[in-house]
């Protein structure tokens, strides 16, 4: 992998619209799917960003509408974020000051480990590895800023 692109303020960097492409692979079954859509990071009235993702998820050849909402709130250190689900439950922290971050999220007996990499001013990616008794997945997501 190439060099990382440091981000002084993750909320300022993410603000705006992004094209999203995500591949999903079930390592246990070999099944694959993909998501294509957009993510918009818009200002929340109380500080932070509302992350709204809309698109189409195709699994085993069957396309379905898909959406999710997250809240990116100011983190404990300047320039970082506290990422929460739409209902306010904690998800993970996010610190891109080095251009790279790894975060964990326990979900029941499974563990989600996310690796975040900033490539440049207009491109970043995440790789989530999900492992445990109920899931064995890899989710690769590429984000490209909409100009």
C-alpha atoms as a PDB file:
ATOM      1  CA  UNK A   1       0.000   0.000   0.000  1.00  0.00           C
ATOM      2  CA  UNK A   2       1.218   3.533  -0.717  1.00  0.00           C
ATOM      3  CA  UNK A   3       1.764   6.444   1.593  1.00  0.00           C
ATOM      4  CA  UNK A   4      -1.009   7.700   3.842  1.00  0.00           C
ATOM      5  CA  UNK A   5      -2.399  11.232   3.489  1.00  0.00           C
ATOM      6  CA  UNK A   6      -2.682  12.891   6.945  1.00  0.00           C
ATOM      7  CA  UNK A   7      -5.937  14.670   7.809  1.00  0.00           C
ATOM      8  CA  UNK A   8      -5.752  17.451  10.424  1.00  0.00           C
ATOM      9  CA  UNK A   9      -9.535  17.514  11.028  1.00  0.00           C
ATOM     10  CA  UNK A  10     -11.542  14.421  10.097  1.00  0.00           C
ATOM     11  CA  UNK A  11     -14.919  16.199  10.241  1.00  0.00           C
ATOM     12  CA  UNK A  12     -13.768  18.985   7.885  1.00  0.00           C
ATOM     13  CA  UNK A  13     -12.269  16.381   5.525  1.00  0.00           C
ATOM     14  CA  UNK A  14     -15.395  14.211   5.351  1.00  0.00           C
ATOM     15  CA  UNK A  15     -17.937  17.031   4.949  1.00  0.00           C
ATOM     16  CA  UNK A  16     -19.707  16.809   1.564  1.00  0.00           C
ATOM     17  CA  UNK A  17     -20.779  14.091  -0.871  1.00  0.00           C
ATOM     18  CA  UNK A  18     -18.926  10.907  -1.787  1.00  0.00           C
ATOM     19  CA  UNK A  19     -19.485   8.161  -4.372  1.00  0.00           C
ATOM     20  CA  UNK A  20     -19.294   4.766  -2.658  1.00  0.00           C
ATOM     21  CA  UNK A  21     -18.379   1.309  -3.970  1.00  0.00           C
ATOM     22  CA  UNK A  22     -18.318  -1.583  -1.492  1.00  0.00           C
ATOM     23  CA  UNK A  23     -17.564  -5.250  -2.023  1.00  0.00           C
ATOM     24  CA  UNK A  24     -18.736  -7.787   0.552  1.00  0.00           C
ATOM     25  CA  UNK A  25     -17.343 -11.295   0.735  1.00  0.00           C
ATOM     26  CA  UNK A  26     -18.496 -14.071   3.037  1.00  0.00           C
ATOM     27  CA  UNK A  27     -15.289 -16.016   3.647  1.00  0.00           C
ATOM     28  CA  UNK A  28     -17.162 -19.049   5.004  1.00  0.00           C
ATOM     29  CA  UNK A  29     -19.466 -19.569   2.011  1.00  0.00           C
ATOM     30  CA  UNK A  30     -17.573 -17.698  -0.711  1.00  0.00           C
ATOM     31  CA  UNK A  31     -20.706 -15.656  -1.464  1.00  0.00           C
ATOM     32  CA  UNK A  32     -20.135 -12.111  -2.718  1.00  0.00           C
ATOM     33  CA  UNK A  33     -22.109  -8.928  -3.001  1.00  0.00           C
ATOM     34  CA  UNK A  34     -21.617  -5.252  -3.658  1.00  0.00           C
ATOM     35  CA  UNK A  35     -23.024  -1.863  -2.784  1.00  0.00           C
ATOM     36  CA  UNK A  36     -23.038   1.212  -5.036  1.00  0.00           C
ATOM     37  CA  UNK A  37     -24.363   4.571  -3.951  1.00  0.00           C
ATOM     38  CA  UNK A  38     -23.573   7.850  -2.257  1.00  0.00           C
ATOM     39  CA  UNK A  39     -22.661   9.004   1.211  1.00  0.00           C
ATOM     40  CA  UNK A  40     -23.403  12.559   2.294  1.00  0.00           C
ATOM     41  CA  UNK A  41     -21.789  14.055   5.401  1.00  0.00           C
ATOM     42  CA  UNK A  42     -23.935  17.056   6.366  1.00  0.00           C
ATOM     43  CA  UNK A  43     -23.670  19.379   9.366  1.00  0.00           C
ATOM     44  CA  UNK A  44     -25.599  18.445  12.503  1.00  0.00           C
ATOM     45  CA  UNK A  45     -27.194  21.372  14.398  1.00  0.00           C
ATOM     46  CA  UNK A  46     -25.443  20.356  17.652  1.00  0.00           C
ATOM     47  CA  UNK A  47     -21.927  19.926  16.079  1.00  0.00           C
ATOM     48  CA  UNK A  48     -20.568  17.085  14.053  1.00  0.00           C
ATOM     49  CA  UNK A  49     -21.798  15.426  10.883  1.00  0.00           C
ATOM     50  CA  UNK A  50     -24.754  13.291   9.887  1.00  0.00           C
ATOM     51  CA  UNK A  51     -23.589  10.452   7.596  1.00  0.00           C
ATOM     52  CA  UNK A  52     -26.366   9.317   5.244  1.00  0.00           C
ATOM     53  CA  UNK A  53     -25.626   6.442   2.877  1.00  0.00           C
ATOM     54  CA  UNK A  54     -28.089   5.511   0.111  1.00  0.00           C
ATOM     55  CA  UNK A  55     -27.697   3.063  -2.734  1.00  0.00           C
ATOM     56  CA  UNK A  56     -28.245  -0.448  -4.007  1.00  0.00           C
ATOM     57  CA  UNK A  57     -26.888  -3.580  -2.328  1.00  0.00           C
ATOM     58  CA  UNK A  58     -26.706  -6.660  -4.551  1.00  0.00           C
ATOM     59  CA  UNK A  59     -26.323 -10.009  -2.805  1.00  0.00           C
ATOM     60  CA  UNK A  60     -26.381 -13.313  -4.708  1.00  0.00           C
ATOM     61  CA  UNK A  61     -27.509 -11.414  -7.805  1.00  0.00           C
ATOM     62  CA  UNK A  62     -30.519  -9.805  -6.111  1.00  0.00           C
ATOM     63  CA  UNK A  63     -30.424  -5.969  -5.929  1.00  0.00           C
ATOM     64  CA  UNK A  64     -32.135  -4.213  -3.013  1.00  0.00           C
ATOM     65  CA  UNK A  65     -32.283  -0.592  -1.859  1.00  0.00           C
ATOM     66  CA  UNK A  66     -29.973  -0.018   1.114  1.00  0.00           C
ATOM     67  CA  UNK A  67     -29.364   2.844   3.489  1.00  0.00           C
ATOM     68  CA  UNK A  68     -27.698   3.621   6.792  1.00  0.00           C
ATOM     69  CA  UNK A  69     -27.231   6.623   9.025  1.00  0.00           C
ATOM     70  CA  UNK A  70     -24.333   7.361  11.365  1.00  0.00           C
ATOM     71  CA  UNK A  71     -23.352  10.359  13.477  1.00  0.00           C
ATOM     72  CA  UNK A  72     -19.767  11.618  13.398  1.00  0.00           C
ATOM     73  CA  UNK A  73     -19.328  13.738  16.523  1.00  0.00           C
ATOM     74  CA  UNK A  74     -16.228  15.646  17.662  1.00  0.00           C
ATOM     75  CA  UNK A  75     -13.810  13.230  19.347  1.00  0.00           C
ATOM     76  CA  UNK A  76     -11.906  13.607  22.594  1.00  0.00           C
ATOM     77  CA  UNK A  77      -8.826  14.926  20.774  1.00  0.00           C
ATOM     78  CA  UNK A  78      -8.955  17.860  18.300  1.00  0.00           C
ATOM     79  CA  UNK A  79      -9.416  16.679  14.717  1.00  0.00           C
ATOM     80  CA  UNK A  80     -10.819  13.253  15.658  1.00  0.00           C
ATOM     81  CA  UNK A  81     -14.360  11.841  15.624  1.00  0.00           C
ATOM     82  CA  UNK A  82     -16.589   9.736  17.845  1.00  0.00           C
ATOM     83  CA  UNK A  83     -18.668   7.663  15.411  1.00  0.00           C
ATOM     84  CA  UNK A  84     -22.108   6.576  16.575  1.00  0.00           C
ATOM     85  CA  UNK A  85     -24.999   4.677  15.079  1.00  0.00           C
ATOM     86  CA  UNK A  86     -28.061   6.679  14.082  1.00  0.00           C
ATOM     87  CA  UNK A  87     -29.717   5.874  17.427  1.00  0.00           C
ATOM     88  CA  UNK A  88     -26.713   7.231  19.381  1.00  0.00           C
ATOM     89  CA  UNK A  89     -25.073   3.918  20.387  1.00  0.00           C
ATOM     90  CA  UNK A  90     -21.244   4.009  20.202  1.00  0.00           C
ATOM     91  CA  UNK A  91     -19.666   2.519  17.069  1.00  0.00           C
ATOM     92  CA  UNK A  92     -15.959   3.440  16.973  1.00  0.00           C
ATOM     93  CA  UNK A  93     -13.440   6.259  17.253  1.00  0.00           C
ATOM     94  CA  UNK A  94     -11.767   7.793  14.179  1.00  0.00           C
ATOM     95  CA  UNK A  95      -8.396   9.528  14.107  1.00  0.00           C
ATOM     96  CA  UNK A  96      -7.004  10.199  10.628  1.00  0.00           C
ATOM     97  CA  UNK A  97      -4.242  12.617  11.677  1.00  0.00           C
ATOM     98  CA  UNK A  98      -1.711  10.072  10.342  1.00  0.00           C
ATOM     99  CA  UNK A  99      -3.922   9.196   7.345  1.00  0.00           C
ATOM    100  CA  UNK A 100      -4.470   5.713   8.784  1.00  0.00           C
ATOM    101  CA  UNK A 101      -6.557   4.349  11.662  1.00  0.00           C
ATOM    102  CA  UNK A 102      -7.683   0.970  13.003  1.00  0.00           C
ATOM    103  CA  UNK A 103     -10.846   0.704  15.120  1.00  0.00           C
ATOM    104  CA  UNK A 104     -12.638  -2.207  16.775  1.00  0.00           C
ATOM    105  CA  UNK A 105     -16.348  -2.663  17.407  1.00  0.00           C
ATOM    106  CA  UNK A 106     -17.579  -5.700  19.356  1.00  0.00           C
ATOM    107  CA  UNK A 107     -21.042  -6.785  18.204  1.00  0.00           C
ATOM    108  CA  UNK A 108     -22.488  -9.631  20.286  1.00  0.00           C
ATOM    109  CA  UNK A 109     -19.897 -12.416  19.948  1.00  0.00           C
ATOM    110  CA  UNK A 110     -18.432 -11.037  16.691  1.00  0.00           C
ATOM    111  CA  UNK A 111     -15.673  -8.464  16.333  1.00  0.00           C
ATOM    112  CA  UNK A 112     -15.637  -5.797  13.623  1.00  0.00           C
ATOM    113  CA  UNK A 113     -12.131  -4.435  12.938  1.00  0.00           C
ATOM    114  CA  UNK A 114     -12.031  -1.455  10.586  1.00  0.00           C
ATOM    115  CA  UNK A 115      -8.950  -0.097   8.843  1.00  0.00           C
ATOM    116  CA  UNK A 116      -9.310   3.442   7.490  1.00  0.00           C
ATOM    117  CA  UNK A 117      -6.857   4.807   4.920  1.00  0.00           C
ATOM    118  CA  UNK A 118      -6.812   8.279   3.375  1.00  0.00           C
ATOM    119  CA  UNK A 119      -5.256   8.262  -0.093  1.00  0.00           C
ATOM    120  CA  UNK A 120      -5.540  11.978  -0.961  1.00  0.00           C
ATOM    121  CA  UNK A 121      -7.866  14.963  -0.653  1.00  0.00           C
ATOM    122  CA  UNK A 122     -10.611  13.187  -2.613  1.00  0.00           C
ATOM    123  CA  UNK A 123     -10.197   9.457  -1.908  1.00  0.00           C
ATOM    124  CA  UNK A 124     -10.308   7.266   1.187  1.00  0.00           C
ATOM    125  CA  UNK A 125     -11.139   3.666   1.928  1.00  0.00           C
ATOM    126  CA  UNK A 126     -12.212   1.330   4.684  1.00  0.00           C
ATOM    127  CA  UNK A 127     -11.688  -2.392   5.096  1.00  0.00           C
ATOM    128  CA  UNK A 128     -13.833  -4.056   7.740  1.00  0.00           C
ATOM    129  CA  UNK A 129     -12.947  -7.588   8.770  1.00  0.00           C
ATOM    130  CA  UNK A 130     -15.780  -9.218  10.697  1.00  0.00           C
ATOM    131  CA  UNK A 131     -15.057 -12.422  12.568  1.00  0.00           C
ATOM    132  CA  UNK A 132     -16.741 -14.549  15.172  1.00  0.00           C
ATOM    133  CA  UNK A 133     -19.144 -17.409  15.613  1.00  0.00           C
ATOM    134  CA  UNK A 134     -21.859 -15.903  13.374  1.00  0.00           C
ATOM    135  CA  UNK A 135     -19.888 -13.938  10.744  1.00  0.00           C
ATOM    136  CA  UNK A 136     -16.747 -14.275   8.646  1.00  0.00           C
ATOM    137  CA  UNK A 137     -16.804 -11.296   6.290  1.00  0.00           C
ATOM    138  CA  UNK A 138     -14.581  -8.771   4.552  1.00  0.00           C
ATOM    139  CA  UNK A 139     -16.095  -5.443   3.450  1.00  0.00           C
ATOM    140  CA  UNK A 140     -13.943  -3.186   1.224  1.00  0.00           C
ATOM    141  CA  UNK A 141     -15.287   0.319   0.612  1.00  0.00           C
ATOM    142  CA  UNK A 142     -13.848   2.988  -1.700  1.00  0.00           C
ATOM    143  CA  UNK A 143     -14.953   6.615  -1.355  1.00  0.00           C
ATOM    144  CA  UNK A 144     -14.445   9.272  -4.047  1.00  0.00           C
ATOM    145  CA  UNK A 145     -15.434  12.886  -3.414  1.00  0.00           C
ATOM    146  CA  UNK A 146     -18.201  14.241  -5.658  1.00  0.00           C
ATOM    147  CA  UNK A 147     -16.988  17.573  -7.040  1.00  0.00           C
END
